[in-house]
């Protein structure tokens, strides 16, 4: 089945981005797409649903606070999604857990464990 072969591909052990230029390029592209997409999604939502318009420089304080609070979890979700599609689920799942862990109490976040790659 294609889903099990895709999952095996996206969770396989990969070289560090420091050792492989291809890994570095894939990871940097995923981070770039994730940042752009999360901001492109949050800004219209703040404007259309809450009536807040502005920017981090010129906007009201409520826009700044809500933007930061909304972008972070949405960013983590997109990061995991784009990272999985790029075949790097294990790496980006650990990154997403770090981001989500910052919004949780220490008693909860210390129990979050990143996925472990299966050794072949």
PDB file of N, CA and C in Angstrom:
ATOM      1  N   UNK A   1       0.842  -1.179   0.000  1.00  0.00           N
ATOM      2  CA  UNK A   1       0.000   0.000   0.000  1.00  0.00           C
ATOM      3  C   UNK A   1       0.887   1.242   0.000  1.00  0.00           C
ATOM      4  N   UNK A   2       0.436   2.261  -0.738  1.00  0.00           N
ATOM      5  CA  UNK A   2       1.255   3.460  -0.905  1.00  0.00           C
ATOM      6  C   UNK A   2       1.442   4.228   0.401  1.00  0.00           C
ATOM      7  N   UNK A   3       0.434   4.221   1.296  1.00  0.00           N
ATOM      8  CA  UNK A   3       0.569   5.005   2.529  1.00  0.00           C
ATOM      9  C   UNK A   3       1.645   4.432   3.453  1.00  0.00           C
ATOM     10  N   UNK A   4       1.758   3.115   3.509  1.00  0.00           N
ATOM     11  CA  UNK A   4       2.802   2.534   4.364  1.00  0.00           C
ATOM     12  C   UNK A   4       4.188   2.754   3.774  1.00  0.00           C
ATOM     13  N   UNK A   5       4.302   2.731   2.442  1.00  0.00           N
ATOM     14  CA  UNK A   5       5.615   2.994   1.842  1.00  0.00           C
ATOM     15  C   UNK A   5       5.987   4.477   1.978  1.00  0.00           C
ATOM     16  N   UNK A   6       4.977   5.380   1.885  1.00  0.00           N
ATOM     17  CA  UNK A   6       5.250   6.806   2.102  1.00  0.00           C
ATOM     18  C   UNK A   6       5.703   7.038   3.533  1.00  0.00           C
ATOM     19  N   UNK A   7       5.007   6.421   4.486  1.00  0.00           N
ATOM     20  CA  UNK A   7       5.365   6.612   5.895  1.00  0.00           C
ATOM     21  C   UNK A   7       6.758   6.063   6.177  1.00  0.00           C
ATOM     22  N   UNK A   8       7.102   4.939   5.575  1.00  0.00           N
ATOM     23  CA  UNK A   8       8.455   4.384   5.748  1.00  0.00           C
ATOM     24  C   UNK A   8       9.500   5.343   5.168  1.00  0.00           C
ATOM     25  N   UNK A   9       9.173   5.959   4.033  1.00  0.00           N
ATOM     26  CA  UNK A   9      10.104   6.903   3.402  1.00  0.00           C
ATOM     27  C   UNK A   9      10.294   8.156   4.249  1.00  0.00           C
ATOM     28  N   UNK A  10       9.212   8.692   4.792  1.00  0.00           N
ATOM     29  CA  UNK A  10       9.295   9.958   5.523  1.00  0.00           C
ATOM     30  C   UNK A  10       9.849   9.791   6.938  1.00  0.00           C
ATOM     31  N   UNK A  11       9.883   8.566   7.455  1.00  0.00           N
ATOM     32  CA  UNK A  11      10.427   8.349   8.805  1.00  0.00           C
ATOM     33  C   UNK A  11      11.783   7.650   8.786  1.00  0.00           C
ATOM     34  N   UNK A  12      12.361   7.463   7.615  1.00  0.00           N
ATOM     35  CA  UNK A  12      13.656   6.780   7.552  1.00  0.00           C
ATOM     36  C   UNK A  12      14.769   7.657   8.117  1.00  0.00           C
ATOM     37  N   UNK A  13      15.829   7.024   8.526  1.00  0.00           N
ATOM     38  CA  UNK A  13      16.977   7.741   9.069  1.00  0.00           C
ATOM     39  C   UNK A  13      17.652   8.529   7.953  1.00  0.00           C
ATOM     40  N   UNK A  14      17.953   9.780   8.233  1.00  0.00           N
ATOM     41  CA  UNK A  14      18.581  10.653   7.239  1.00  0.00           C
ATOM     42  C   UNK A  14      19.846  11.254   7.844  1.00  0.00           C
ATOM     43  N   UNK A  15      20.775  11.673   6.989  1.00  0.00           N
ATOM     44  CA  UNK A  15      21.982  12.332   7.522  1.00  0.00           C
ATOM     45  C   UNK A  15      21.629  13.689   8.121  1.00  0.00           C
ATOM     46  N   UNK A  16      22.491  14.177   8.958  1.00  0.00           N
ATOM     47  CA  UNK A  16      22.299  15.504   9.550  1.00  0.00           C
ATOM     48  C   UNK A  16      22.367  16.564   8.454  1.00  0.00           C
ATOM     49  N   UNK A  17      21.664  17.661   8.652  1.00  0.00           N
ATOM     50  CA  UNK A  17      21.712  18.747   7.676  1.00  0.00           C
ATOM     51  C   UNK A  17      23.102  19.371   7.613  1.00  0.00           C
ATOM     52  N   UNK A  18      23.877  19.188   8.670  1.00  0.00           N
ATOM     53  CA  UNK A  18      25.246  19.706   8.678  1.00  0.00           C
ATOM     54  C   UNK A  18      26.179  18.872   7.797  1.00  0.00           C
ATOM     55  N   UNK A  19      25.814  17.604   7.594  1.00  0.00           N
ATOM     56  CA  UNK A  19      26.637  16.698   6.793  1.00  0.00           C
ATOM     57  C   UNK A  19      26.216  16.645   5.331  1.00  0.00           C
ATOM     58  N   UNK A  20      24.990  17.004   5.027  1.00  0.00           N
ATOM     59  CA  UNK A  20      24.458  16.858   3.673  1.00  0.00           C
ATOM     60  C   UNK A  20      23.859  18.169   3.185  1.00  0.00           C
ATOM     61  N   UNK A  21      24.358  18.639   2.058  1.00  0.00           N
ATOM     62  CA  UNK A  21      23.827  19.886   1.495  1.00  0.00           C
ATOM     63  C   UNK A  21      22.394  19.698   1.010  1.00  0.00           C
ATOM     64  N   UNK A  22      22.060  18.510   0.563  1.00  0.00           N
ATOM     65  CA  UNK A  22      20.688  18.242   0.113  1.00  0.00           C
ATOM     66  C   UNK A  22      19.726  18.303   1.298  1.00  0.00           C
ATOM     67  N   UNK A  23      20.118  17.698   2.408  1.00  0.00           N
ATOM     68  CA  UNK A  23      19.276  17.759   3.613  1.00  0.00           C
ATOM     69  C   UNK A  23      19.101  19.197   4.072  1.00  0.00           C
ATOM     70  N   UNK A  24      20.184  19.960   4.055  1.00  0.00           N
ATOM     71  CA  UNK A  24      20.114  21.354   4.459  1.00  0.00           C
ATOM     72  C   UNK A  24      19.164  22.127   3.545  1.00  0.00           C
ATOM     73  N   UNK A  25      19.259  21.894   2.248  1.00  0.00           N
ATOM     74  CA  UNK A  25      18.392  22.601   1.296  1.00  0.00           C
ATOM     75  C   UNK A  25      16.928  22.253   1.526  1.00  0.00           C
ATOM     76  N   UNK A  26      16.627  20.977   1.746  1.00  0.00           N
ATOM     77  CA  UNK A  26      15.242  20.559   1.989  1.00  0.00           C
ATOM     78  C   UNK A  26      14.716  21.194   3.275  1.00  0.00           C
ATOM     79  N   UNK A  27      15.498  21.142   4.324  1.00  0.00           N
ATOM     80  CA  UNK A  27      15.072  21.681   5.616  1.00  0.00           C
ATOM     81  C   UNK A  27      14.873  23.198   5.540  1.00  0.00           C
ATOM     82  N   UNK A  28      15.793  23.901   4.894  1.00  0.00           N
ATOM     83  CA  UNK A  28      15.650  25.358   4.777  1.00  0.00           C
ATOM     84  C   UNK A  28      14.438  25.730   3.936  1.00  0.00           C
ATOM     85  N   UNK A  29      14.177  24.972   2.880  1.00  0.00           N
ATOM     86  CA  UNK A  29      12.983  25.234   2.053  1.00  0.00           C
ATOM     87  C   UNK A  29      11.703  25.013   2.845  1.00  0.00           C
ATOM     88  N   UNK A  30      11.664  23.957   3.647  1.00  0.00           N
ATOM     89  CA  UNK A  30      10.481  23.691   4.467  1.00  0.00           C
ATOM     90  C   UNK A  30      10.267  24.817   5.478  1.00  0.00           C
ATOM     91  N   UNK A  31      11.330  25.259   6.134  1.00  0.00           N
ATOM     92  CA  UNK A  31      11.191  26.374   7.077  1.00  0.00           C
ATOM     93  C   UNK A  31      10.717  27.641   6.370  1.00  0.00           C
ATOM     94  N   UNK A  32      11.242  27.916   5.188  1.00  0.00           N
ATOM     95  CA  UNK A  32      10.835  29.094   4.443  1.00  0.00           C
ATOM     96  C   UNK A  32       9.375  29.056   4.027  1.00  0.00           C
ATOM     97  N   UNK A  33       8.938  27.930   3.482  1.00  0.00           N
ATOM     98  CA  UNK A  33       7.539  27.792   3.075  1.00  0.00           C
ATOM     99  C   UNK A  33       6.612  27.884   4.278  1.00  0.00           C
ATOM    100  N   UNK A  34       7.025  27.304   5.382  1.00  0.00           N
ATOM    101  CA  UNK A  34       6.198  27.307   6.582  1.00  0.00           C
ATOM    102  C   UNK A  34       5.997  28.718   7.121  1.00  0.00           C
ATOM    103  N   UNK A  35       7.057  29.484   7.206  1.00  0.00           N
ATOM    104  CA  UNK A  35       6.943  30.857   7.708  1.00  0.00           C
ATOM    105  C   UNK A  35       6.050  31.713   6.833  1.00  0.00           C
ATOM    106  N   UNK A  36       6.256  31.635   5.537  1.00  0.00           N
ATOM    107  CA  UNK A  36       5.442  32.426   4.606  1.00  0.00           C
ATOM    108  C   UNK A  36       3.979  32.025   4.668  1.00  0.00           C
ATOM    109  N   UNK A  37       3.722  30.731   4.695  1.00  0.00           N
ATOM    110  CA  UNK A  37       2.347  30.247   4.705  1.00  0.00           C
ATOM    111  C   UNK A  37       1.628  30.608   5.994  1.00  0.00           C
ATOM    112  N   UNK A  38       2.293  30.456   7.129  1.00  0.00           N
ATOM    113  CA  UNK A  38       1.623  30.742   8.393  1.00  0.00           C
ATOM    114  C   UNK A  38       1.253  32.223   8.511  1.00  0.00           C
ATOM    115  N   UNK A  39       2.119  33.100   8.060  1.00  0.00           N
ATOM    116  CA  UNK A  39       1.797  34.533   8.093  1.00  0.00           C
ATOM    117  C   UNK A  39       0.689  34.852   7.091  1.00  0.00           C
ATOM    118  N   UNK A  40       0.738  34.215   5.913  1.00  0.00           N
ATOM    119  CA  UNK A  40      -0.285  34.447   4.893  1.00  0.00           C
ATOM    120  C   UNK A  40      -1.659  33.954   5.345  1.00  0.00           C
ATOM    121  N   UNK A  41      -1.706  32.995   6.243  1.00  0.00           N
ATOM    122  CA  UNK A  41      -2.981  32.486   6.756  1.00  0.00           C
ATOM    123  C   UNK A  41      -3.473  33.322   7.931  1.00  0.00           C
ATOM    124  N   UNK A  42      -2.574  33.699   8.827  1.00  0.00           N
ATOM    125  CA  UNK A  42      -2.976  34.401  10.056  1.00  0.00           C
ATOM    126  C   UNK A  42      -3.416  35.838   9.782  1.00  0.00           C
ATOM    127  N   UNK A  43      -2.704  36.558   8.944  1.00  0.00           N
ATOM    128  CA  UNK A  43      -3.057  37.975   8.706  1.00  0.00           C
ATOM    129  C   UNK A  43      -4.494  38.153   8.218  1.00  0.00           C
ATOM    130  N   UNK A  44      -4.938  37.426   7.174  1.00  0.00           N
ATOM    131  CA  UNK A  44      -6.332  37.589   6.750  1.00  0.00           C
ATOM    132  C   UNK A  44      -7.340  37.141   7.819  1.00  0.00           C
ATOM    133  N   UNK A  45      -6.976  36.121   8.593  1.00  0.00           N
ATOM    134  CA  UNK A  45      -7.883  35.665   9.655  1.00  0.00           C
ATOM    135  C   UNK A  45      -8.075  36.752  10.712  1.00  0.00           C
ATOM    136  N   UNK A  46      -6.991  37.403  11.107  1.00  0.00           N
ATOM    137  CA  UNK A  46      -7.106  38.482  12.088  1.00  0.00           C
ATOM    138  C   UNK A  46      -7.947  39.629  11.543  1.00  0.00           C
ATOM    139  N   UNK A  47      -7.781  39.924  10.259  1.00  0.00           N
ATOM    140  CA  UNK A  47      -8.518  41.029   9.655  1.00  0.00           C
ATOM    141  C   UNK A  47      -9.989  40.667   9.438  1.00  0.00           C
ATOM    142  N   UNK A  48     -10.258  39.503   8.874  1.00  0.00           N
ATOM    143  CA  UNK A  48     -11.631  39.144   8.500  1.00  0.00           C
ATOM    144  C   UNK A  48     -12.489  38.690   9.673  1.00  0.00           C
ATOM    145  N   UNK A  49     -11.904  37.966  10.619  1.00  0.00           N
ATOM    146  CA  UNK A  49     -12.703  37.410  11.714  1.00  0.00           C
ATOM    147  C   UNK A  49     -12.717  38.292  12.959  1.00  0.00           C
ATOM    148  N   UNK A  50     -11.616  39.001  13.204  1.00  0.00           N
ATOM    149  CA  UNK A  50     -11.544  39.823  14.410  1.00  0.00           C
ATOM    150  C   UNK A  50     -11.521  41.319  14.121  1.00  0.00           C
ATOM    151  N   UNK A  51     -11.427  41.683  12.850  1.00  0.00           N
ATOM    152  CA  UNK A  51     -11.419  43.088  12.480  1.00  0.00           C
ATOM    153  C   UNK A  51     -10.139  43.812  12.844  1.00  0.00           C
ATOM    154  N   UNK A  52      -9.060  43.062  13.081  1.00  0.00           N
ATOM    155  CA  UNK A  52      -7.774  43.676  13.428  1.00  0.00           C
ATOM    156  C   UNK A  52      -6.925  43.811  12.173  1.00  0.00           C
ATOM    157  N   UNK A  53      -6.487  45.032  11.907  1.00  0.00           N
ATOM    158  CA  UNK A  53      -5.662  45.280  10.736  1.00  0.00           C
ATOM    159  C   UNK A  53      -4.416  46.007  11.187  1.00  0.00           C
ATOM    160  N   UNK A  54      -3.291  45.661  10.610  1.00  0.00           N
ATOM    161  CA  UNK A  54      -2.059  46.347  10.965  1.00  0.00           C
ATOM    162  C   UNK A  54      -0.854  45.497  10.661  1.00  0.00           C
ATOM    163  N   UNK A  55       0.212  45.788  11.372  1.00  0.00           N
ATOM    164  CA  UNK A  55       1.449  45.029  11.233  1.00  0.00           C
ATOM    165  C   UNK A  55       2.127  45.012  12.604  1.00  0.00           C
ATOM    166  N   UNK A  56       3.247  44.326  12.677  1.00  0.00           N
ATOM    167  CA  UNK A  56       3.966  44.269  13.947  1.00  0.00           C
ATOM    168  C   UNK A  56       4.559  45.634  14.309  1.00  0.00           C
ATOM    169  N   UNK A  57       4.751  46.490  13.313  1.00  0.00           N
ATOM    170  CA  UNK A  57       5.317  47.825  13.579  1.00  0.00           C
ATOM    171  C   UNK A  57       4.204  48.846  13.809  1.00  0.00           C
ATOM    172  N   UNK A  58       3.225  48.866  12.905  1.00  0.00           N
ATOM    173  CA  UNK A  58       2.198  49.908  12.940  1.00  0.00           C
ATOM    174  C   UNK A  58       0.876  49.475  13.567  1.00  0.00           C
ATOM    175  N   UNK A  59       0.723  48.213  13.837  1.00  0.00           N
ATOM    176  CA  UNK A  59      -0.562  47.724  14.314  1.00  0.00           C
ATOM    177  C   UNK A  59      -0.810  48.024  15.772  1.00  0.00           C
ATOM    178  N   UNK A  60      -2.059  47.868  16.202  1.00  0.00           N
ATOM    179  CA  UNK A  60      -2.367  48.022  17.631  1.00  0.00           C
ATOM    180  C   UNK A  60      -1.748  46.875  18.435  1.00  0.00           C
ATOM    181  N   UNK A  61      -1.614  47.088  19.727  1.00  0.00           N
ATOM    182  CA  UNK A  61      -1.012  46.051  20.570  1.00  0.00           C
ATOM    183  C   UNK A  61      -1.804  44.752  20.525  1.00  0.00           C
ATOM    184  N   UNK A  62      -3.120  44.838  20.422  1.00  0.00           N
ATOM    185  CA  UNK A  62      -3.927  43.619  20.348  1.00  0.00           C
ATOM    186  C   UNK A  62      -3.578  42.817  19.100  1.00  0.00           C
ATOM    187  N   UNK A  63      -3.292  43.499  18.000  1.00  0.00           N
ATOM    188  CA  UNK A  63      -2.887  42.811  16.770  1.00  0.00           C
ATOM    189  C   UNK A  63      -1.555  42.094  16.987  1.00  0.00           C
ATOM    190  N   UNK A  64      -0.619  42.765  17.620  1.00  0.00           N
ATOM    191  CA  UNK A  64       0.707  42.175  17.854  1.00  0.00           C
ATOM    192  C   UNK A  64       0.611  40.931  18.725  1.00  0.00           C
ATOM    193  N   UNK A  65      -0.122  41.027  19.810  1.00  0.00           N
ATOM    194  CA  UNK A  65      -0.228  39.896  20.740  1.00  0.00           C
ATOM    195  C   UNK A  65      -0.948  38.726  20.086  1.00  0.00           C
ATOM    196  N   UNK A  66      -2.101  38.991  19.481  1.00  0.00           N
ATOM    197  CA  UNK A  66      -2.859  37.909  18.844  1.00  0.00           C
ATOM    198  C   UNK A  66      -2.116  37.307  17.663  1.00  0.00           C
ATOM    199  N   UNK A  67      -1.361  38.114  16.950  1.00  0.00           N
ATOM    200  CA  UNK A  67      -0.587  37.602  15.826  1.00  0.00           C
ATOM    201  C   UNK A  67       0.462  36.599  16.308  1.00  0.00           C
ATOM    202  N   UNK A  68       1.170  36.953  17.344  1.00  0.00           N
ATOM    203  CA  UNK A  68       2.197  36.053  17.887  1.00  0.00           C
ATOM    204  C   UNK A  68       1.553  34.786  18.440  1.00  0.00           C
ATOM    205  N   UNK A  69       0.458  34.942  19.176  1.00  0.00           N
ATOM    206  CA  UNK A  69      -0.207  33.774  19.755  1.00  0.00           C
ATOM    207  C   UNK A  69      -0.823  32.864  18.687  1.00  0.00           C
ATOM    208  N   UNK A  70      -1.285  33.438  17.594  1.00  0.00           N
ATOM    209  CA  UNK A  70      -1.901  32.631  16.536  1.00  0.00           C
ATOM    210  C   UNK A  70      -0.859  32.026  15.610  1.00  0.00           C
ATOM    211  N   UNK A  71       0.190  32.767  15.291  1.00  0.00           N
ATOM    212  CA  UNK A  71       1.180  32.266  14.329  1.00  0.00           C
ATOM    213  C   UNK A  71       1.929  31.053  14.878  1.00  0.00           C
ATOM    214  N   UNK A  72       2.281  31.058  16.133  1.00  0.00           N
ATOM    215  CA  UNK A  72       3.125  29.986  16.674  1.00  0.00           C
ATOM    216  C   UNK A  72       2.517  28.592  16.539  1.00  0.00           C
ATOM    217  N   UNK A  73       1.296  28.333  16.996  1.00  0.00           N
ATOM    218  CA  UNK A  73       0.758  26.981  16.822  1.00  0.00           C
ATOM    219  C   UNK A  73       0.443  26.657  15.359  1.00  0.00           C
ATOM    220  N   UNK A  74       0.015  27.653  14.596  1.00  0.00           N
ATOM    221  CA  UNK A  74      -0.248  27.409  13.178  1.00  0.00           C
ATOM    222  C   UNK A  74       1.059  27.095  12.459  1.00  0.00           C
ATOM    223  N   UNK A  75       2.109  27.802  12.823  1.00  0.00           N
ATOM    224  CA  UNK A  75       3.437  27.547  12.261  1.00  0.00           C
ATOM    225  C   UNK A  75       3.856  26.105  12.553  1.00  0.00           C
ATOM    226  N   UNK A  76       3.674  25.654  13.782  1.00  0.00           N
ATOM    227  CA  UNK A  76       4.062  24.289  14.149  1.00  0.00           C
ATOM    228  C   UNK A  76       3.268  23.260  13.340  1.00  0.00           C
ATOM    229  N   UNK A  77       1.989  23.513  13.143  1.00  0.00           N
ATOM    230  CA  UNK A  77       1.173  22.592  12.351  1.00  0.00           C
ATOM    231  C   UNK A  77       1.607  22.534  10.897  1.00  0.00           C
ATOM    232  N   UNK A  78       1.850  23.694  10.298  1.00  0.00           N
ATOM    233  CA  UNK A  78       2.340  23.720   8.918  1.00  0.00           C
ATOM    234  C   UNK A  78       3.734  23.104   8.820  1.00  0.00           C
ATOM    235  N   UNK A  79       4.563  23.341   9.822  1.00  0.00           N
ATOM    236  CA  UNK A  79       5.913  22.777   9.818  1.00  0.00           C
ATOM    237  C   UNK A  79       5.862  21.251   9.769  1.00  0.00           C
ATOM    238  N   UNK A  80       5.014  20.680  10.584  1.00  0.00           N
ATOM    239  CA  UNK A  80       4.868  19.229  10.595  1.00  0.00           C
ATOM    240  C   UNK A  80       4.301  18.726   9.267  1.00  0.00           C
ATOM    241  N   UNK A  81       3.312  19.425   8.724  1.00  0.00           N
ATOM    242  CA  UNK A  81       2.699  19.022   7.460  1.00  0.00           C
ATOM    243  C   UNK A  81       3.691  19.098   6.308  1.00  0.00           C
ATOM    244  N   UNK A  82       4.329  20.260   6.138  1.00  0.00           N
ATOM    245  CA  UNK A  82       5.281  20.426   5.037  1.00  0.00           C
ATOM    246  C   UNK A  82       6.492  19.517   5.209  1.00  0.00           C
ATOM    247  N   UNK A  83       6.948  19.344   6.444  1.00  0.00           N
ATOM    248  CA  UNK A  83       8.083  18.460   6.696  1.00  0.00           C
ATOM    249  C   UNK A  83       7.781  17.015   6.368  1.00  0.00           C
ATOM    250  N   UNK A  84       6.568  16.576   6.666  1.00  0.00           N
ATOM    251  CA  UNK A  84       6.173  15.206   6.339  1.00  0.00           C
ATOM    252  C   UNK A  84       6.078  15.021   4.831  1.00  0.00           C
ATOM    253  N   UNK A  85       5.479  15.986   4.141  1.00  0.00           N
ATOM    254  CA  UNK A  85       5.369  15.905   2.679  1.00  0.00           C
ATOM    255  C   UNK A  85       6.758  15.904   2.045  1.00  0.00           C
ATOM    256  N   UNK A  86       7.705  16.617   2.647  1.00  0.00           N
ATOM    257  CA  UNK A  86       9.074  16.650   2.134  1.00  0.00           C
ATOM    258  C   UNK A  86       9.871  15.411   2.522  1.00  0.00           C
ATOM    259  N   UNK A  87       9.257  14.505   3.266  1.00  0.00           N
ATOM    260  CA  UNK A  87       9.932  13.262   3.630  1.00  0.00           C
ATOM    261  C   UNK A  87      10.798  13.360   4.857  1.00  0.00           C
ATOM    262  N   UNK A  88      10.569  14.344   5.690  1.00  0.00           N
ATOM    263  CA  UNK A  88      11.392  14.547   6.897  1.00  0.00           C
ATOM    264  C   UNK A  88      10.513  14.627   8.140  1.00  0.00           C
ATOM    265  N   UNK A  89       9.564  13.716   8.272  1.00  0.00           N
ATOM    266  CA  UNK A  89       8.604  13.756   9.382  1.00  0.00           C
ATOM    267  C   UNK A  89       9.297  13.730  10.740  1.00  0.00           C
ATOM    268  N   UNK A  90      10.243  12.851  10.920  1.00  0.00           N
ATOM    269  CA  UNK A  90      10.875  12.682  12.229  1.00  0.00           C
ATOM    270  C   UNK A  90      11.534  13.976  12.697  1.00  0.00           C
ATOM    271  N   UNK A  91      12.277  14.622  11.822  1.00  0.00           N
ATOM    272  CA  UNK A  91      12.973  15.865  12.168  1.00  0.00           C
ATOM    273  C   UNK A  91      11.973  16.966  12.519  1.00  0.00           C
ATOM    274  N   UNK A  92      10.964  17.138  11.675  1.00  0.00           N
ATOM    275  CA  UNK A  92      10.030  18.243  11.883  1.00  0.00           C
ATOM    276  C   UNK A  92       9.013  17.954  12.985  1.00  0.00           C
ATOM    277  N   UNK A  93       8.753  16.698  13.277  1.00  0.00           N
ATOM    278  CA  UNK A  93       7.896  16.378  14.420  1.00  0.00           C
ATOM    279  C   UNK A  93       8.585  16.804  15.719  1.00  0.00           C
ATOM    280  N   UNK A  94       9.889  16.601  15.788  1.00  0.00           N
ATOM    281  CA  UNK A  94      10.638  17.042  16.974  1.00  0.00           C
ATOM    282  C   UNK A  94      10.616  18.564  17.088  1.00  0.00           C
ATOM    283  N   UNK A  95      10.742  19.263  15.955  1.00  0.00           N
ATOM    284  CA  UNK A  95      10.679  20.732  15.968  1.00  0.00           C
ATOM    285  C   UNK A  95       9.294  21.220  16.405  1.00  0.00           C
ATOM    286  N   UNK A  96       8.248  20.608  15.881  1.00  0.00           N
ATOM    287  CA  UNK A  96       6.883  21.008  16.238  1.00  0.00           C
ATOM    288  C   UNK A  96       6.629  20.766  17.731  1.00  0.00           C
ATOM    289  N   UNK A  97       7.143  19.669  18.261  1.00  0.00           N
ATOM    290  CA  UNK A  97       6.976  19.405  19.693  1.00  0.00           C
ATOM    291  C   UNK A  97       7.687  20.464  20.540  1.00  0.00           C
ATOM    292  N   UNK A  98       8.838  20.929  20.086  1.00  0.00           N
ATOM    293  CA  UNK A  98       9.531  21.998  20.815  1.00  0.00           C
ATOM    294  C   UNK A  98       8.680  23.265  20.851  1.00  0.00           C
ATOM    295  N   UNK A  99       8.066  23.586  19.707  1.00  0.00           N
ATOM    296  CA  UNK A  99       7.242  24.797  19.635  1.00  0.00           C
ATOM    297  C   UNK A  99       6.018  24.659  20.530  1.00  0.00           C
ATOM    298  N   UNK A 100       5.298  23.532  20.410  1.00  0.00           N
ATOM    299  CA  UNK A 100       4.117  23.321  21.249  1.00  0.00           C
ATOM    300  C   UNK A 100       4.492  23.261  22.730  1.00  0.00           C
ATOM    301  N   UNK A 101       5.658  22.701  23.030  1.00  0.00           N
ATOM    302  CA  UNK A 101       6.108  22.582  24.415  1.00  0.00           C
ATOM    303  C   UNK A 101       6.299  23.916  25.096  1.00  0.00           C
ATOM    304  N   UNK A 102       6.574  24.955  24.318  1.00  0.00           N
ATOM    305  CA  UNK A 102       6.766  26.288  24.894  1.00  0.00           C
ATOM    306  C   UNK A 102       5.466  26.911  25.366  1.00  0.00           C
ATOM    307  N   UNK A 103       4.349  26.399  24.879  1.00  0.00           N
ATOM    308  CA  UNK A 103       3.046  26.944  25.254  1.00  0.00           C
ATOM    309  C   UNK A 103       2.368  26.114  26.344  1.00  0.00           C
ATOM    310  N   UNK A 104       3.033  25.083  26.812  1.00  0.00           N
ATOM    311  CA  UNK A 104       2.452  24.204  27.825  1.00  0.00           C
ATOM    312  C   UNK A 104       3.237  24.324  29.122  1.00  0.00           C
ATOM    313  N   UNK A 105       2.593  23.970  30.213  1.00  0.00           N
ATOM    314  CA  UNK A 105       3.328  23.952  31.482  1.00  0.00           C
ATOM    315  C   UNK A 105       4.448  22.908  31.437  1.00  0.00           C
ATOM    316  N   UNK A 106       5.497  23.135  32.196  1.00  0.00           N
ATOM    317  CA  UNK A 106       6.639  22.204  32.230  1.00  0.00           C
ATOM    318  C   UNK A 106       6.204  20.792  32.602  1.00  0.00           C
ATOM    319  N   UNK A 107       5.211  20.674  33.470  1.00  0.00           N
ATOM    320  CA  UNK A 107       4.769  19.349  33.897  1.00  0.00           C
ATOM    321  C   UNK A 107       4.183  18.546  32.734  1.00  0.00           C
ATOM    322  N   UNK A 108       3.646  19.231  31.738  1.00  0.00           N
ATOM    323  CA  UNK A 108       3.087  18.555  30.564  1.00  0.00           C
ATOM    324  C   UNK A 108       4.143  18.407  29.483  1.00  0.00           C
ATOM    325  N   UNK A 109       4.892  19.470  29.209  1.00  0.00           N
ATOM    326  CA  UNK A 109       5.831  19.458  28.088  1.00  0.00           C
ATOM    327  C   UNK A 109       6.980  18.478  28.288  1.00  0.00           C
ATOM    328  N   UNK A 110       7.347  18.177  29.513  1.00  0.00           N
ATOM    329  CA  UNK A 110       8.454  17.235  29.712  1.00  0.00           C
ATOM    330  C   UNK A 110       8.073  15.803  29.332  1.00  0.00           C
ATOM    331  N   UNK A 111       6.762  15.544  29.219  1.00  0.00           N
ATOM    332  CA  UNK A 111       6.309  14.209  28.820  1.00  0.00           C
ATOM    333  C   UNK A 111       6.208  14.053  27.309  1.00  0.00           C
ATOM    334  N   UNK A 112       6.361  15.149  26.577  1.00  0.00           N
ATOM    335  CA  UNK A 112       6.325  15.084  25.122  1.00  0.00           C
ATOM    336  C   UNK A 112       7.648  14.527  24.621  1.00  0.00           C
ATOM    337  N   UNK A 113       7.604  13.513  23.828  1.00  0.00           N
ATOM    338  CA  UNK A 113       8.813  12.906  23.297  1.00  0.00           C
ATOM    339  C   UNK A 113       8.751  12.925  21.785  1.00  0.00           C
ATOM    340  N   UNK A 114       9.845  13.325  21.129  1.00  0.00           N
ATOM    341  CA  UNK A 114       9.857  13.279  19.668  1.00  0.00           C
ATOM    342  C   UNK A 114       9.854  11.831  19.188  1.00  0.00           C
ATOM    343  N   UNK A 115       9.351  11.594  17.975  1.00  0.00           N
ATOM    344  CA  UNK A 115       9.337  10.232  17.451  1.00  0.00           C
ATOM    345  C   UNK A 115      10.765   9.731  17.223  1.00  0.00           C
ATOM    346  N   UNK A 116      10.931   8.436  17.293  1.00  0.00           N
ATOM    347  CA  UNK A 116      12.227   7.820  17.107  1.00  0.00           C
ATOM    348  C   UNK A 116      12.279   7.177  15.737  1.00  0.00           C
ATOM    349  N   UNK A 117      13.363   7.389  15.040  1.00  0.00           N
ATOM    350  CA  UNK A 117      13.519   6.756  13.732  1.00  0.00           C
ATOM    351  C   UNK A 117      13.728   5.257  13.909  1.00  0.00           C
ATOM    352  N   UNK A 118      13.132   4.501  13.023  1.00  0.00           N
ATOM    353  CA  UNK A 118      13.334   3.068  13.049  1.00  0.00           C
ATOM    354  C   UNK A 118      14.660   2.745  12.363  1.00  0.00           C
ATOM    355  N   UNK A 119      15.456   1.934  12.992  1.00  0.00           N
ATOM    356  CA  UNK A 119      16.733   1.524  12.409  1.00  0.00           C
ATOM    357  C   UNK A 119      16.486   0.336  11.496  1.00  0.00           C
ATOM    358  N   UNK A 120      17.135   0.350  10.338  1.00  0.00           N
ATOM    359  CA  UNK A 120      16.974  -0.763   9.409  1.00  0.00           C
ATOM    360  C   UNK A 120      18.008  -1.818   9.654  1.00  0.00           C
TER     361      UNK A 120
END
